[in-house]
Amino acid sequence: MKVYLDDERATPEGWVRVWWPEEAISLLESGQVTELSLDHDLGDDAHGTGYDVLLWLEEAVATRGFVPPRVQLHSANSSARQKMVLAIARIERFAQEQRGG
């Protein structure tokens, strides 16, 4: 399953649209997500951002051996995007360590 987290953009064909971080996390927990595309700003920062999904994913990979899906970003927020890129790098590093590499 390919999951697309966004509050405004049109959902690409073949992707499952979610609006909030907890929806994306719930699908990740199902173990069925193969790709994840994240926006940062979702219209209500108090409700969460795409970065919150990455924080959950980082913790799951680092502490539980969760196998992360392929992650991409489609956020236009340049400063938040940089923070998210760094989080993805940490997730990939933890995943590589889990694989013994």
N, C-alpha and C. Protein backbone atom coordinates (compact mmCIF):
# COMPACT_ATOMS: atom_id res chain seq x y z
N MET A 1 0.84 -1.18 0.00
CA MET A 1 0.00 0.00 0.00
C MET A 1 0.89 1.24 0.00
N LYS A 2 0.52 2.22 -0.79
CA LYS A 2 1.22 3.49 -0.84
C LYS A 2 0.35 4.53 -0.14
N VAL A 3 0.92 5.22 0.85
CA VAL A 3 0.17 6.15 1.68
C VAL A 3 0.64 7.58 1.41
N TYR A 4 -0.34 8.47 1.20
CA TYR A 4 -0.09 9.87 0.86
C TYR A 4 -0.72 10.76 1.93
N LEU A 5 0.13 11.44 2.72
CA LEU A 5 -0.34 12.32 3.79
C LEU A 5 -0.34 13.76 3.30
N ASP A 6 -1.52 14.36 3.21
CA ASP A 6 -1.63 15.74 2.74
C ASP A 6 -3.00 16.29 3.08
N ASP A 7 -3.07 17.62 3.21
CA ASP A 7 -4.35 18.26 3.49
C ASP A 7 -4.93 18.99 2.29
N GLU A 8 -4.15 19.22 1.23
CA GLU A 8 -4.63 20.03 0.12
C GLU A 8 -4.43 19.41 -1.26
N ARG A 9 -3.28 18.84 -1.52
CA ARG A 9 -2.96 18.35 -2.86
C ARG A 9 -3.85 17.18 -3.26
N ALA A 10 -4.00 17.02 -4.56
CA ALA A 10 -4.74 15.87 -5.09
C ALA A 10 -3.93 14.60 -4.82
N THR A 11 -4.62 13.54 -4.51
CA THR A 11 -3.97 12.26 -4.24
C THR A 11 -3.56 11.61 -5.55
N PRO A 12 -2.29 11.22 -5.69
CA PRO A 12 -1.87 10.53 -6.91
C PRO A 12 -2.61 9.20 -7.05
N GLU A 13 -2.81 8.82 -8.28
CA GLU A 13 -3.48 7.55 -8.56
C GLU A 13 -2.69 6.39 -7.94
N GLY A 14 -3.41 5.48 -7.31
CA GLY A 14 -2.79 4.31 -6.71
C GLY A 14 -2.34 4.50 -5.28
N TRP A 15 -2.57 5.69 -4.71
CA TRP A 15 -2.16 5.98 -3.34
C TRP A 15 -3.39 6.07 -2.45
N VAL A 16 -3.22 5.72 -1.18
CA VAL A 16 -4.27 5.87 -0.17
C VAL A 16 -4.05 7.19 0.54
N ARG A 17 -5.06 8.04 0.53
CA ARG A 17 -4.95 9.37 1.12
C ARG A 17 -5.28 9.35 2.60
N VAL A 18 -4.43 9.99 3.41
CA VAL A 18 -4.73 10.23 4.81
C VAL A 18 -4.50 11.71 5.08
N TRP A 19 -5.21 12.23 6.09
CA TRP A 19 -5.19 13.65 6.39
C TRP A 19 -4.36 14.00 7.61
N TRP A 20 -4.19 13.03 8.53
CA TRP A 20 -3.56 13.31 9.82
C TRP A 20 -2.49 12.29 10.15
N PRO A 21 -1.50 12.68 10.96
CA PRO A 21 -0.42 11.75 11.31
C PRO A 21 -0.90 10.43 11.90
N GLU A 22 -1.90 10.48 12.79
CA GLU A 22 -2.33 9.22 13.42
C GLU A 22 -2.91 8.24 12.40
N GLU A 23 -3.49 8.75 11.32
CA GLU A 23 -3.99 7.86 10.26
C GLU A 23 -2.83 7.17 9.55
N ALA A 24 -1.79 7.94 9.25
CA ALA A 24 -0.61 7.36 8.59
C ALA A 24 0.05 6.34 9.51
N ILE A 25 0.18 6.67 10.78
CA ILE A 25 0.81 5.76 11.75
C ILE A 25 0.00 4.47 11.89
N SER A 26 -1.31 4.59 11.92
CA SER A 26 -2.15 3.40 12.02
C SER A 26 -1.92 2.46 10.83
N LEU A 27 -1.82 3.03 9.65
CA LEU A 27 -1.55 2.20 8.46
C LEU A 27 -0.14 1.62 8.51
N LEU A 28 0.82 2.40 8.97
CA LEU A 28 2.18 1.87 9.12
C LEU A 28 2.19 0.68 10.08
N GLU A 29 1.47 0.80 11.17
CA GLU A 29 1.42 -0.29 12.16
C GLU A 29 0.82 -1.57 11.58
N SER A 30 0.02 -1.45 10.52
CA SER A 30 -0.56 -2.64 9.90
C SER A 30 0.49 -3.48 9.18
N GLY A 31 1.64 -2.86 8.88
CA GLY A 31 2.70 -3.59 8.19
C GLY A 31 2.48 -3.70 6.69
N GLN A 32 1.49 -3.02 6.16
CA GLN A 32 1.15 -3.14 4.74
C GLN A 32 1.67 -1.98 3.88
N VAL A 33 2.29 -0.98 4.50
CA VAL A 33 2.73 0.20 3.77
C VAL A 33 4.09 -0.06 3.13
N THR A 34 4.15 0.11 1.80
CA THR A 34 5.40 -0.07 1.07
C THR A 34 6.04 1.26 0.71
N GLU A 35 5.21 2.29 0.56
CA GLU A 35 5.70 3.63 0.25
C GLU A 35 4.90 4.64 1.05
N LEU A 36 5.57 5.73 1.42
CA LEU A 36 4.96 6.78 2.22
C LEU A 36 5.41 8.12 1.65
N SER A 37 4.46 8.99 1.34
CA SER A 37 4.77 10.33 0.85
C SER A 37 4.16 11.34 1.82
N LEU A 38 5.02 12.25 2.32
CA LEU A 38 4.60 13.13 3.40
C LEU A 38 4.65 14.61 3.04
N ASP A 39 3.61 15.32 3.46
CA ASP A 39 3.61 16.77 3.52
C ASP A 39 3.93 17.12 4.96
N HIS A 40 4.45 18.31 5.21
CA HIS A 40 4.70 18.72 6.59
C HIS A 40 3.50 19.42 7.18
N ASP A 41 3.07 20.50 6.56
CA ASP A 41 2.00 21.35 7.08
C ASP A 41 0.64 20.77 6.68
N LEU A 42 -0.15 20.43 7.70
CA LEU A 42 -1.43 19.76 7.45
C LEU A 42 -2.63 20.60 7.87
N GLY A 43 -2.40 21.89 8.07
CA GLY A 43 -3.51 22.79 8.36
C GLY A 43 -3.79 23.01 9.83
N ASP A 44 -3.23 22.19 10.70
CA ASP A 44 -3.45 22.34 12.14
C ASP A 44 -2.25 21.73 12.86
N ASP A 45 -1.20 22.55 13.06
CA ASP A 45 0.03 22.03 13.65
C ASP A 45 -0.19 21.42 15.03
N ALA A 46 -1.22 21.89 15.75
CA ALA A 46 -1.52 21.32 17.06
C ALA A 46 -1.98 19.87 16.92
N HIS A 47 -2.55 19.53 15.77
CA HIS A 47 -3.01 18.16 15.51
C HIS A 47 -1.87 17.31 14.98
N GLY A 48 -0.81 17.94 14.52
CA GLY A 48 0.35 17.20 14.06
C GLY A 48 0.78 17.57 12.66
N THR A 49 2.00 17.11 12.32
CA THR A 49 2.59 17.38 11.02
C THR A 49 3.17 16.09 10.45
N GLY A 50 3.61 16.17 9.23
CA GLY A 50 4.28 15.02 8.63
C GLY A 50 5.53 14.61 9.39
N TYR A 51 6.18 15.58 10.03
CA TYR A 51 7.37 15.28 10.82
C TYR A 51 7.03 14.35 11.99
N ASP A 52 5.83 14.47 12.54
CA ASP A 52 5.42 13.58 13.63
C ASP A 52 5.40 12.12 13.19
N VAL A 53 5.04 11.89 11.94
CA VAL A 53 5.06 10.51 11.41
C VAL A 53 6.50 10.01 11.37
N LEU A 54 7.41 10.88 10.95
CA LEU A 54 8.82 10.48 10.90
C LEU A 54 9.38 10.21 12.29
N LEU A 55 8.97 11.00 13.28
CA LEU A 55 9.42 10.74 14.65
C LEU A 55 8.94 9.38 15.13
N TRP A 56 7.69 9.04 14.84
CA TRP A 56 7.16 7.73 15.21
C TRP A 56 7.94 6.63 14.50
N LEU A 57 8.17 6.83 13.21
CA LEU A 57 8.87 5.83 12.40
C LEU A 57 10.31 5.63 12.90
N GLU A 58 10.97 6.73 13.23
CA GLU A 58 12.34 6.64 13.74
C GLU A 58 12.38 5.83 15.04
N GLU A 59 11.47 6.11 15.94
CA GLU A 59 11.42 5.37 17.20
C GLU A 59 11.12 3.90 16.97
N ALA A 60 10.19 3.61 16.07
CA ALA A 60 9.81 2.22 15.80
C ALA A 60 10.96 1.43 15.19
N VAL A 61 11.69 2.05 14.28
CA VAL A 61 12.82 1.38 13.64
C VAL A 61 13.96 1.19 14.65
N ALA A 62 14.25 2.23 15.43
CA ALA A 62 15.38 2.18 16.36
C ALA A 62 15.16 1.24 17.53
N THR A 63 13.93 1.17 18.04
CA THR A 63 13.72 0.41 19.26
C THR A 63 13.00 -0.92 19.08
N ARG A 64 12.28 -1.07 17.96
CA ARG A 64 11.50 -2.30 17.78
C ARG A 64 11.87 -3.09 16.53
N GLY A 65 12.84 -2.59 15.77
CA GLY A 65 13.22 -3.30 14.55
C GLY A 65 12.19 -3.20 13.44
N PHE A 66 11.32 -2.19 13.52
CA PHE A 66 10.30 -1.98 12.49
C PHE A 66 10.99 -1.75 11.15
N VAL A 67 10.51 -2.39 10.11
CA VAL A 67 11.08 -2.22 8.77
C VAL A 67 10.34 -1.07 8.09
N PRO A 68 11.06 0.03 7.80
CA PRO A 68 10.39 1.20 7.25
C PRO A 68 10.07 1.03 5.77
N PRO A 69 9.01 1.68 5.32
CA PRO A 69 8.73 1.71 3.88
C PRO A 69 9.65 2.71 3.20
N ARG A 70 9.58 2.78 1.90
CA ARG A 70 10.26 3.84 1.16
C ARG A 70 9.55 5.15 1.52
N VAL A 71 10.31 6.18 1.87
CA VAL A 71 9.71 7.46 2.29
C VAL A 71 10.14 8.55 1.34
N GLN A 72 9.18 9.36 0.91
CA GLN A 72 9.47 10.54 0.11
C GLN A 72 8.71 11.72 0.68
N LEU A 73 9.13 12.90 0.28
CA LEU A 73 8.52 14.13 0.78
C LEU A 73 7.93 14.92 -0.39
N HIS A 74 6.80 15.57 -0.13
CA HIS A 74 6.25 16.49 -1.12
C HIS A 74 5.89 17.83 -0.48
N SER A 75 6.53 18.14 0.63
CA SER A 75 6.28 19.38 1.35
C SER A 75 6.95 20.56 0.66
N ALA A 76 6.25 21.68 0.61
CA ALA A 76 6.82 22.91 0.06
C ALA A 76 7.48 23.76 1.14
N ASN A 77 7.36 23.37 2.40
CA ASN A 77 7.95 24.11 3.51
C ASN A 77 9.44 23.77 3.58
N SER A 78 10.28 24.68 3.09
CA SER A 78 11.70 24.35 2.91
C SER A 78 12.43 24.08 4.22
N SER A 79 12.16 24.83 5.26
CA SER A 79 12.87 24.58 6.52
C SER A 79 12.40 23.26 7.15
N ALA A 80 11.12 23.01 7.12
CA ALA A 80 10.61 21.75 7.66
C ALA A 80 11.07 20.58 6.80
N ARG A 81 11.15 20.79 5.50
CA ARG A 81 11.60 19.73 4.59
C ARG A 81 13.02 19.29 4.97
N GLN A 82 13.90 20.25 5.27
CA GLN A 82 15.27 19.90 5.64
C GLN A 82 15.30 19.06 6.91
N LYS A 83 14.49 19.43 7.87
CA LYS A 83 14.38 18.66 9.13
C LYS A 83 13.88 17.25 8.82
N MET A 84 12.94 17.13 7.90
CA MET A 84 12.40 15.83 7.54
C MET A 84 13.43 14.98 6.79
N VAL A 85 14.22 15.61 5.93
CA VAL A 85 15.28 14.89 5.21
C VAL A 85 16.27 14.29 6.21
N LEU A 86 16.62 15.05 7.23
CA LEU A 86 17.53 14.54 8.25
C LEU A 86 16.91 13.38 9.03
N ALA A 87 15.62 13.46 9.31
CA ALA A 87 14.94 12.37 10.01
C ALA A 87 14.94 11.10 9.15
N ILE A 88 14.70 11.25 7.86
CA ILE A 88 14.72 10.09 6.96
C ILE A 88 16.10 9.46 6.94
N ALA A 89 17.14 10.28 6.95
CA ALA A 89 18.51 9.75 6.98
C ALA A 89 18.75 8.95 8.26
N ARG A 90 18.25 9.45 9.39
CA ARG A 90 18.40 8.71 10.65
C ARG A 90 17.64 7.38 10.58
N ILE A 91 16.43 7.40 10.04
CA ILE A 91 15.63 6.18 9.91
C ILE A 91 16.37 5.16 9.05
N GLU A 92 16.92 5.63 7.93
CA GLU A 92 17.65 4.72 7.05
C GLU A 92 18.89 4.15 7.74
N ARG A 93 19.57 4.97 8.55
CA ARG A 93 20.74 4.50 9.28
C ARG A 93 20.35 3.43 10.30
N PHE A 94 19.27 3.67 11.05
CA PHE A 94 18.80 2.68 12.02
C PHE A 94 18.39 1.38 11.30
N ALA A 95 17.72 1.50 10.17
CA ALA A 95 17.28 0.32 9.43
C ALA A 95 18.48 -0.48 8.94
N GLN A 96 19.50 0.22 8.49
CA GLN A 96 20.71 -0.46 8.03
C GLN A 96 21.39 -1.18 9.19
N GLU A 97 21.44 -0.54 10.35
CA GLU A 97 22.03 -1.18 11.53
C GLU A 97 21.24 -2.44 11.90
N GLN A 98 19.90 -2.37 11.78
CA GLN A 98 19.05 -3.53 12.09
C GLN A 98 19.37 -4.71 11.17
N ARG A 99 19.71 -4.38 9.91
CA ARG A 99 20.03 -5.43 8.92
C ARG A 99 21.46 -5.93 9.08
N GLY A 100 22.20 -5.32 10.02
CA GLY A 100 23.57 -5.76 10.25
C GLY A 100 24.58 -5.11 9.33
N GLY A 101 24.19 -3.99 8.73
CA GLY A 101 25.12 -3.33 7.80
C GLY A 101 25.67 -2.14 8.33
